[in-house]
Amino acid sequence: ERVGAQIPVMGVGSIHTLPDAERALATGVPLLAVGRELLMEPRWAEKIRTGEPVRVTLLRQAQHELLLPDGLWKVIMNSLGWLPVVD
């Protein structure tokens, strides 16, 4: 409402599942950012569309499965709280 109709606003943060996305879209934002979710679940959009469960945590041993490069993996592992990493 503050920005006006000419500038799109993107909803960011805590959009992990379909209900999260639906709640965010219900506020009126036309776009959602799901960058962290795509790191944990590369098929996030497809799974949301088909109703499949999505990953909401990142397994510490999932680097090769997710095809994440070493540099990015080191950043993820050393940035406490950025992604919910589990053993």
PDB file of N, CA and C in Angstrom:
ATOM      1  N   GLU A   1       0.825  -1.194   0.000  1.00  0.00           N
ATOM      2  CA  GLU A   1       0.000   0.000   0.000  1.00  0.00           C
ATOM      3  C   GLU A   1       0.869   1.257   0.000  1.00  0.00           C
ATOM      4  N   ARG A   2       1.987   1.199   0.690  1.00  0.00           N
ATOM      5  CA  ARG A   2       2.849   2.372   0.748  1.00  0.00           C
ATOM      6  C   ARG A   2       3.574   2.623  -0.559  1.00  0.00           C
ATOM      7  N   VAL A   3       3.932   1.543  -1.266  1.00  0.00           N
ATOM      8  CA  VAL A   3       4.695   1.690  -2.491  1.00  0.00           C
ATOM      9  C   VAL A   3       3.803   2.131  -3.634  1.00  0.00           C
ATOM     10  N   GLY A   4       2.579   1.687  -3.625  1.00  0.00           N
ATOM     11  CA  GLY A   4       1.660   2.051  -4.693  1.00  0.00           C
ATOM     12  C   GLY A   4       1.550   0.950  -5.724  1.00  0.00           C
ATOM     13  N   ALA A   5       0.658   1.132  -6.655  1.00  0.00           N
ATOM     14  CA  ALA A   5       0.350   0.093  -7.642  1.00  0.00           C
ATOM     15  C   ALA A   5       1.418  -0.041  -8.722  1.00  0.00           C
ATOM     16  N   GLN A   6       2.309   0.932  -8.858  1.00  0.00           N
ATOM     17  CA  GLN A   6       3.270   0.908  -9.954  1.00  0.00           C
ATOM     18  C   GLN A   6       4.538   0.107  -9.649  1.00  0.00           C
ATOM     19  N   ILE A   7       4.840  -0.150  -8.386  1.00  0.00           N
ATOM     20  CA  ILE A   7       6.075  -0.843  -8.024  1.00  0.00           C
ATOM     21  C   ILE A   7       5.722  -2.162  -7.345  1.00  0.00           C
ATOM     22  N   PRO A   8       6.087  -3.300  -7.969  1.00  0.00           N
ATOM     23  CA  PRO A   8       5.794  -4.597  -7.344  1.00  0.00           C
ATOM     24  C   PRO A   8       6.601  -4.789  -6.058  1.00  0.00           C
ATOM     25  N   VAL A   9       6.014  -5.441  -5.103  1.00  0.00           N
ATOM     26  CA  VAL A   9       6.661  -5.747  -3.834  1.00  0.00           C
ATOM     27  C   VAL A   9       6.837  -7.252  -3.752  1.00  0.00           C
ATOM     28  N   MET A  10       7.988  -7.688  -3.244  1.00  0.00           N
ATOM     29  CA  MET A  10       8.256  -9.121  -3.133  1.00  0.00           C
ATOM     30  C   MET A  10       8.209  -9.529  -1.663  1.00  0.00           C
ATOM     31  N   GLY A  11       7.463 -10.604  -1.382  1.00  0.00           N
ATOM     32  CA  GLY A  11       7.428 -11.161  -0.041  1.00  0.00           C
ATOM     33  C   GLY A  11       8.654 -12.027   0.174  1.00  0.00           C
ATOM     34  N   VAL A  12       9.353 -11.809   1.301  1.00  0.00           N
ATOM     35  CA  VAL A  12      10.602 -12.508   1.578  1.00  0.00           C
ATOM     36  C   VAL A  12      10.600 -13.014   3.010  1.00  0.00           C
ATOM     37  N   GLY A  13      11.062 -14.236   3.203  1.00  0.00           N
ATOM     38  CA  GLY A  13      11.293 -14.758   4.545  1.00  0.00           C
ATOM     39  C   GLY A  13      10.241 -15.723   5.028  1.00  0.00           C
ATOM     40  N   SER A  14      10.706 -16.852   5.523  1.00  0.00           N
ATOM     41  CA  SER A  14       9.862 -17.879   6.149  1.00  0.00           C
ATOM     42  C   SER A  14       8.798 -18.431   5.217  1.00  0.00           C
ATOM     43  N   ILE A  15       9.112 -18.550   3.940  1.00  0.00           N
ATOM     44  CA  ILE A  15       8.193 -19.165   2.980  1.00  0.00           C
ATOM     45  C   ILE A  15       8.776 -20.532   2.640  1.00  0.00           C
ATOM     46  N   HIS A  16       8.405 -21.531   3.430  1.00  0.00           N
ATOM     47  CA  HIS A  16       8.985 -22.861   3.286  1.00  0.00           C
ATOM     48  C   HIS A  16       8.037 -23.857   2.623  1.00  0.00           C
ATOM     49  N   THR A  17       6.753 -23.704   2.866  1.00  0.00           N
ATOM     50  CA  THR A  17       5.767 -24.688   2.429  1.00  0.00           C
ATOM     51  C   THR A  17       4.637 -24.003   1.660  1.00  0.00           C
ATOM     52  N   LEU A  18       3.744 -24.802   1.093  1.00  0.00           N
ATOM     53  CA  LEU A  18       2.595 -24.243   0.388  1.00  0.00           C
ATOM     54  C   LEU A  18       1.749 -23.346   1.295  1.00  0.00           C
ATOM     55  N   PRO A  19       1.416 -23.757   2.515  1.00  0.00           N
ATOM     56  CA  PRO A  19       0.638 -22.849   3.372  1.00  0.00           C
ATOM     57  C   PRO A  19       1.366 -21.526   3.640  1.00  0.00           C
ATOM     58  N   ASP A  20       2.696 -21.569   3.788  1.00  0.00           N
ATOM     59  CA  ASP A  20       3.454 -20.327   3.972  1.00  0.00           C
ATOM     60  C   ASP A  20       3.299 -19.426   2.758  1.00  0.00           C
ATOM     61  N   ALA A  21       3.421 -20.000   1.563  1.00  0.00           N
ATOM     62  CA  ALA A  21       3.298 -19.237   0.322  1.00  0.00           C
ATOM     63  C   ALA A  21       1.882 -18.670   0.180  1.00  0.00           C
ATOM     64  N   GLU A  22       0.895 -19.465   0.502  1.00  0.00           N
ATOM     65  CA  GLU A  22      -0.491 -18.998   0.398  1.00  0.00           C
ATOM     66  C   GLU A  22      -0.755 -17.836   1.348  1.00  0.00           C
ATOM     67  N   ARG A  23      -0.235 -17.926   2.583  1.00  0.00           N
ATOM     68  CA  ARG A  23      -0.424 -16.829   3.542  1.00  0.00           C
ATOM     69  C   ARG A  23       0.255 -15.558   3.042  1.00  0.00           C
ATOM     70  N   ALA A  24       1.453 -15.700   2.498  1.00  0.00           N
ATOM     71  CA  ALA A  24       2.170 -14.527   1.989  1.00  0.00           C
ATOM     72  C   ALA A  24       1.432 -13.908   0.811  1.00  0.00           C
ATOM     73  N   LEU A  25       0.976 -14.737  -0.123  1.00  0.00           N
ATOM     74  CA  LEU A  25       0.248 -14.211  -1.288  1.00  0.00           C
ATOM     75  C   LEU A  25      -1.074 -13.567  -0.880  1.00  0.00           C
ATOM     76  N   ALA A  26      -1.683 -14.058   0.179  1.00  0.00           N
ATOM     77  CA  ALA A  26      -2.950 -13.493   0.647  1.00  0.00           C
ATOM     78  C   ALA A  26      -2.791 -12.060   1.150  1.00  0.00           C
ATOM     79  N   THR A  27      -1.563 -11.651   1.453  1.00  0.00           N
ATOM     80  CA  THR A  27      -1.334 -10.268   1.889  1.00  0.00           C
ATOM     81  C   THR A  27      -1.368  -9.307   0.716  1.00  0.00           C
ATOM     82  N   GLY A  28      -1.337  -9.854  -0.513  1.00  0.00           N
ATOM     83  CA  GLY A  28      -1.412  -9.010  -1.694  1.00  0.00           C
ATOM     84  C   GLY A  28      -0.106  -8.845  -2.443  1.00  0.00           C
ATOM     85  N   VAL A  29       0.989  -9.391  -1.932  1.00  0.00           N
ATOM     86  CA  VAL A  29       2.245  -9.271  -2.678  1.00  0.00           C
ATOM     87  C   VAL A  29       2.169 -10.154  -3.919  1.00  0.00           C
ATOM     88  N   PRO A  30       2.643  -9.662  -5.078  1.00  0.00           N
ATOM     89  CA  PRO A  30       2.549 -10.453  -6.303  1.00  0.00           C
ATOM     90  C   PRO A  30       3.716 -11.418  -6.503  1.00  0.00           C
ATOM     91  N   LEU A  31       4.788 -11.257  -5.742  1.00  0.00           N
ATOM     92  CA  LEU A  31       5.988 -12.075  -5.914  1.00  0.00           C
ATOM     93  C   LEU A  31       6.476 -12.603  -4.579  1.00  0.00           C
ATOM     94  N   LEU A  32       7.055 -13.803  -4.598  1.00  0.00           N
ATOM     95  CA  LEU A  32       7.641 -14.397  -3.395  1.00  0.00           C
ATOM     96  C   LEU A  32       9.083 -14.800  -3.679  1.00  0.00           C
ATOM     97  N   ALA A  33       9.953 -14.601  -2.710  1.00  0.00           N
ATOM     98  CA  ALA A  33      11.347 -15.042  -2.826  1.00  0.00           C
ATOM     99  C   ALA A  33      11.498 -16.351  -2.055  1.00  0.00           C
ATOM    100  N   VAL A  34      12.040 -17.354  -2.717  1.00  0.00           N
ATOM    101  CA  VAL A  34      12.229 -18.658  -2.078  1.00  0.00           C
ATOM    102  C   VAL A  34      13.651 -19.178  -2.319  1.00  0.00           C
ATOM    103  N   GLY A  35      14.630 -18.297  -2.248  1.00  0.00           N
ATOM    104  CA  GLY A  35      16.016 -18.669  -2.534  1.00  0.00           C
ATOM    105  C   GLY A  35      16.565 -19.738  -1.626  1.00  0.00           C
ATOM    106  N   ARG A  36      16.422 -19.565  -0.315  1.00  0.00           N
ATOM    107  CA  ARG A  36      16.942 -20.574   0.622  1.00  0.00           C
ATOM    108  C   ARG A  36      16.236 -21.902   0.434  1.00  0.00           C
ATOM    109  N   GLU A  37      14.946 -21.846   0.179  1.00  0.00           N
ATOM    110  CA  GLU A  37      14.190 -23.077  -0.016  1.00  0.00           C
ATOM    111  C   GLU A  37      14.696 -23.833  -1.238  1.00  0.00           C
ATOM    112  N   LEU A  38      15.063 -23.103  -2.294  1.00  0.00           N
ATOM    113  CA  LEU A  38      15.579 -23.756  -3.500  1.00  0.00           C
ATOM    114  C   LEU A  38      16.945 -24.380  -3.276  1.00  0.00           C
ATOM    115  N   LEU A  39      17.724 -23.848  -2.346  1.00  0.00           N
ATOM    116  CA  LEU A  39      19.001 -24.486  -2.011  1.00  0.00           C
ATOM    117  C   LEU A  39      18.761 -25.844  -1.360  1.00  0.00           C
ATOM    118  N   MET A  40      17.771 -25.903  -0.471  1.00  0.00           N
ATOM    119  CA  MET A  40      17.478 -27.154   0.235  1.00  0.00           C
ATOM    120  C   MET A  40      16.660 -28.109  -0.615  1.00  0.00           C
ATOM    121  N   GLU A  41      15.814 -27.563  -1.482  1.00  0.00           N
ATOM    122  CA  GLU A  41      14.871 -28.362  -2.264  1.00  0.00           C
ATOM    123  C   GLU A  41      14.809 -27.813  -3.691  1.00  0.00           C
ATOM    124  N   PRO A  42      15.734 -28.248  -4.565  1.00  0.00           N
ATOM    125  CA  PRO A  42      15.781 -27.708  -5.927  1.00  0.00           C
ATOM    126  C   PRO A  42      14.469 -27.870  -6.709  1.00  0.00           C
ATOM    127  N   ARG A  43      13.661 -28.834  -6.357  1.00  0.00           N
ATOM    128  CA  ARG A  43      12.378 -29.059  -7.036  1.00  0.00           C
ATOM    129  C   ARG A  43      11.226 -28.424  -6.253  1.00  0.00           C
ATOM    130  N   TRP A  44      11.519 -27.402  -5.470  1.00  0.00           N
ATOM    131  CA  TRP A  44      10.530 -26.780  -4.587  1.00  0.00           C
ATOM    132  C   TRP A  44       9.263 -26.384  -5.343  1.00  0.00           C
ATOM    133  N   ALA A  45       9.401 -25.633  -6.402  1.00  0.00           N
ATOM    134  CA  ALA A  45       8.216 -25.146  -7.131  1.00  0.00           C
ATOM    135  C   ALA A  45       7.398 -26.306  -7.693  1.00  0.00           C
ATOM    136  N   GLU A  46       8.078 -27.280  -8.265  1.00  0.00           N
ATOM    137  CA  GLU A  46       7.377 -28.450  -8.813  1.00  0.00           C
ATOM    138  C   GLU A  46       6.651 -29.215  -7.713  1.00  0.00           C
ATOM    139  N   LYS A  47       7.322 -29.405  -6.582  1.00  0.00           N
ATOM    140  CA  LYS A  47       6.699 -30.135  -5.477  1.00  0.00           C
ATOM    141  C   LYS A  47       5.521 -29.367  -4.887  1.00  0.00           C
ATOM    142  N   ILE A  48       5.633 -28.055  -4.802  1.00  0.00           N
ATOM    143  CA  ILE A  48       4.520 -27.243  -4.319  1.00  0.00           C
ATOM    144  C   ILE A  48       3.333 -27.397  -5.265  1.00  0.00           C
ATOM    145  N   ARG A  49       3.621 -27.350  -6.564  1.00  0.00           N
ATOM    146  CA  ARG A  49       2.550 -27.456  -7.577  1.00  0.00           C
ATOM    147  C   ARG A  49       1.864 -28.813  -7.522  1.00  0.00           C
ATOM    148  N   THR A  50       2.642 -29.886  -7.296  1.00  0.00           N
ATOM    149  CA  THR A  50       2.068 -31.234  -7.320  1.00  0.00           C
ATOM    150  C   THR A  50       1.609 -31.725  -5.946  1.00  0.00           C
ATOM    151  N   GLY A  51       1.886 -30.943  -4.905  1.00  0.00           N
ATOM    152  CA  GLY A  51       1.450 -31.340  -3.571  1.00  0.00           C
ATOM    153  C   GLY A  51       2.393 -32.298  -2.866  1.00  0.00           C
ATOM    154  N   GLU A  52       3.574 -32.517  -3.436  1.00  0.00           N
ATOM    155  CA  GLU A  52       4.554 -33.389  -2.771  1.00  0.00           C
ATOM    156  C   GLU A  52       5.141 -32.668  -1.566  1.00  0.00           C
ATOM    157  N   PRO A  53       5.545 -33.420  -0.541  1.00  0.00           N
ATOM    158  CA  PRO A  53       6.192 -32.766   0.604  1.00  0.00           C
ATOM    159  C   PRO A  53       7.535 -32.166   0.194  1.00  0.00           C
ATOM    160  N   VAL A  54       7.873 -31.040   0.776  1.00  0.00           N
ATOM    161  CA  VAL A  54       9.144 -30.388   0.500  1.00  0.00           C
ATOM    162  C   VAL A  54      10.062 -30.491   1.711  1.00  0.00           C
ATOM    163  N   ARG A  55      11.342 -30.494   1.428  1.00  0.00           N
ATOM    164  CA  ARG A  55      12.360 -30.504   2.479  1.00  0.00           C
ATOM    165  C   ARG A  55      12.348 -29.154   3.188  1.00  0.00           C
ATOM    166  N   VAL A  56      12.344 -29.147   4.493  1.00  0.00           N
ATOM    167  CA  VAL A  56      12.399 -27.890   5.237  1.00  0.00           C
ATOM    168  C   VAL A  56      13.644 -27.810   6.115  1.00  0.00           C
ATOM    169  N   THR A  57      14.483 -28.834   6.033  1.00  0.00           N
ATOM    170  CA  THR A  57      15.780 -28.817   6.704  1.00  0.00           C
ATOM    171  C   THR A  57      16.827 -29.307   5.714  1.00  0.00           C
ATOM    172  N   LEU A  58      18.067 -28.980   5.991  1.00  0.00           N
ATOM    173  CA  LEU A  58      19.170 -29.359   5.122  1.00  0.00           C
ATOM    174  C   LEU A  58      20.036 -30.377   5.843  1.00  0.00           C
ATOM    175  N   LEU A  59      20.129 -31.567   5.287  1.00  0.00           N
ATOM    176  CA  LEU A  59      20.986 -32.587   5.882  1.00  0.00           C
ATOM    177  C   LEU A  59      22.447 -32.221   5.663  1.00  0.00           C
ATOM    178  N   ARG A  60      23.239 -32.326   6.700  1.00  0.00           N
ATOM    179  CA  ARG A  60      24.651 -31.963   6.647  1.00  0.00           C
ATOM    180  C   ARG A  60      25.404 -32.724   5.557  1.00  0.00           C
ATOM    181  N   GLN A  61      24.940 -33.908   5.194  1.00  0.00           N
ATOM    182  CA  GLN A  61      25.624 -34.731   4.187  1.00  0.00           C
ATOM    183  C   GLN A  61      24.998 -34.617   2.788  1.00  0.00           C
ATOM    184  N   ALA A  62      24.156 -33.613   2.541  1.00  0.00           N
ATOM    185  CA  ALA A  62      23.407 -33.536   1.285  1.00  0.00           C
ATOM    186  C   ALA A  62      24.083 -32.723   0.180  1.00  0.00           C
ATOM    187  N   GLN A  63      25.290 -32.250   0.383  1.00  0.00           N
ATOM    188  CA  GLN A  63      25.944 -31.383  -0.595  1.00  0.00           C
ATOM    189  C   GLN A  63      25.966 -31.977  -1.998  1.00  0.00           C
ATOM    190  N   HIS A  64      26.428 -33.211  -2.133  1.00  0.00           N
ATOM    191  CA  HIS A  64      26.573 -33.806  -3.465  1.00  0.00           C
ATOM    192  C   HIS A  64      25.215 -34.117  -4.103  1.00  0.00           C
ATOM    193  N   GLU A  65      24.261 -34.532  -3.295  1.00  0.00           N
ATOM    194  CA  GLU A  65      22.912 -34.785  -3.814  1.00  0.00           C
ATOM    195  C   GLU A  65      22.301 -33.499  -4.383  1.00  0.00           C
ATOM    196  N   LEU A  66      22.549 -32.378  -3.717  1.00  0.00           N
ATOM    197  CA  LEU A  66      21.976 -31.106  -4.134  1.00  0.00           C
ATOM    198  C   LEU A  66      22.840 -30.375  -5.160  1.00  0.00           C
ATOM    199  N   LEU A  67      23.998 -30.937  -5.477  1.00  0.00           N
ATOM    200  CA  LEU A  67      24.922 -30.371  -6.472  1.00  0.00           C
ATOM    201  C   LEU A  67      25.368 -28.958  -6.104  1.00  0.00           C
ATOM    202  N   LEU A  68      25.605 -28.725  -4.808  1.00  0.00           N
ATOM    203  CA  LEU A  68      26.054 -27.411  -4.355  1.00  0.00           C
ATOM    204  C   LEU A  68      27.579 -27.370  -4.360  1.00  0.00           C
ATOM    205  N   PRO A  69      28.166 -26.326  -4.947  1.00  0.00           N
ATOM    206  CA  PRO A  69      29.624 -26.245  -5.015  1.00  0.00           C
ATOM    207  C   PRO A  69      30.253 -26.075  -3.631  1.00  0.00           C
ATOM    208  N   ASP A  70      31.510 -26.468  -3.533  1.00  0.00           N
ATOM    209  CA  ASP A  70      32.217 -26.446  -2.250  1.00  0.00           C
ATOM    210  C   ASP A  70      32.175 -25.079  -1.575  1.00  0.00           C
ATOM    211  N   GLY A  71      32.414 -24.013  -2.346  1.00  0.00           N
ATOM    212  CA  GLY A  71      32.425 -22.672  -1.753  1.00  0.00           C
ATOM    213  C   GLY A  71      31.094 -22.300  -1.122  1.00  0.00           C
ATOM    214  N   LEU A  72      30.021 -22.559  -1.822  1.00  0.00           N
ATOM    215  CA  LEU A  72      28.693 -22.264  -1.286  1.00  0.00           C
ATOM    216  C   LEU A  72      28.400 -23.147  -0.081  1.00  0.00           C
ATOM    217  N   TRP A  73      28.786 -24.414  -0.164  1.00  0.00           N
ATOM    218  CA  TRP A  73      28.545 -25.333   0.947  1.00  0.00           C
ATOM    219  C   TRP A  73      29.257 -24.849   2.212  1.00  0.00           C
ATOM    220  N   LYS A  74      30.492 -24.373   2.061  1.00  0.00           N
ATOM    221  CA  LYS A  74      31.239 -23.864   3.217  1.00  0.00           C
ATOM    222  C   LYS A  74      30.534 -22.656   3.816  1.00  0.00           C
ATOM    223  N   VAL A  75      30.031 -21.771   2.970  1.00  0.00           N
ATOM    224  CA  VAL A  75      29.297 -20.602   3.472  1.00  0.00           C
ATOM    225  C   VAL A  75      28.058 -21.056   4.241  1.00  0.00           C
ATOM    226  N   ILE A  76      27.310 -22.000   3.681  1.00  0.00           N
ATOM    227  CA  ILE A  76      26.098 -22.501   4.345  1.00  0.00           C
ATOM    228  C   ILE A  76      26.442 -23.116   5.696  1.00  0.00           C
ATOM    229  N   MET A  77      27.475 -23.953   5.724  1.00  0.00           N
ATOM    230  CA  MET A  77      27.834 -24.642   6.964  1.00  0.00           C
ATOM    231  C   MET A  77      28.393 -23.689   8.019  1.00  0.00           C
ATOM    232  N   ASN A  78      28.967 -22.567   7.599  1.00  0.00           N
ATOM    233  CA  ASN A  78      29.572 -21.619   8.539  1.00  0.00           C
ATOM    234  C   ASN A  78      28.672 -20.433   8.869  1.00  0.00           C
ATOM    235  N   SER A  79      27.478 -20.406   8.320  1.00  0.00           N
ATOM    236  CA  SER A  79      26.539 -19.304   8.583  1.00  0.00           C
ATOM    237  C   SER A  79      25.407 -19.822   9.453  1.00  0.00           C
ATOM    238  N   LEU A  80      25.652 -19.854  10.736  1.00  0.00           N
ATOM    239  CA  LEU A  80      24.676 -20.393  11.674  1.00  0.00           C
ATOM    240  C   LEU A  80      23.351 -19.652  11.559  1.00  0.00           C
ATOM    241  N   GLY A  81      22.281 -20.430  11.411  1.00  0.00           N
ATOM    242  CA  GLY A  81      20.938 -19.864  11.359  1.00  0.00           C
ATOM    243  C   GLY A  81      20.456 -19.485   9.973  1.00  0.00           C
ATOM    244  N   TRP A  82      21.342 -19.481   8.966  1.00  0.00           N
ATOM    245  CA  TRP A  82      20.895 -19.118   7.617  1.00  0.00           C
ATOM    246  C   TRP A  82      19.967 -20.188   7.056  1.00  0.00           C
ATOM    247  N   LEU A  83      20.402 -21.441   7.168  1.00  0.00           N
ATOM    248  CA  LEU A  83      19.578 -22.583   6.769  1.00  0.00           C
ATOM    249  C   LEU A  83      19.479 -23.528   7.961  1.00  0.00           C
ATOM    250  N   PRO A  84      18.351 -24.210   8.118  1.00  0.00           N
ATOM    251  CA  PRO A  84      18.219 -25.159   9.229  1.00  0.00           C
ATOM    252  C   PRO A  84      18.934 -26.475   8.912  1.00  0.00           C
ATOM    253  N   VAL A  85      20.212 -26.538   9.290  1.00  0.00           N
ATOM    254  CA  VAL A  85      21.047 -27.705   9.026  1.00  0.00           C
ATOM    255  C   VAL A  85      20.860 -28.722  10.137  1.00  0.00           C
ATOM    256  N   VAL A  86      20.670 -29.981   9.739  1.00  0.00           N
ATOM    257  CA  VAL A  86      20.525 -31.074  10.704  1.00  0.00           C
ATOM    258  C   VAL A  86      21.496 -32.189  10.353  1.00  0.00           C
ATOM    259  N   ASP A  87      21.825 -33.005  11.350  1.00  0.00           N
ATOM    260  CA  ASP A  87      22.736 -34.146  11.119  1.00  0.00           C
ATOM    261  C   ASP A  87      22.027 -35.356  10.602  1.00  0.00           C
TER     262      ASP A  87
END
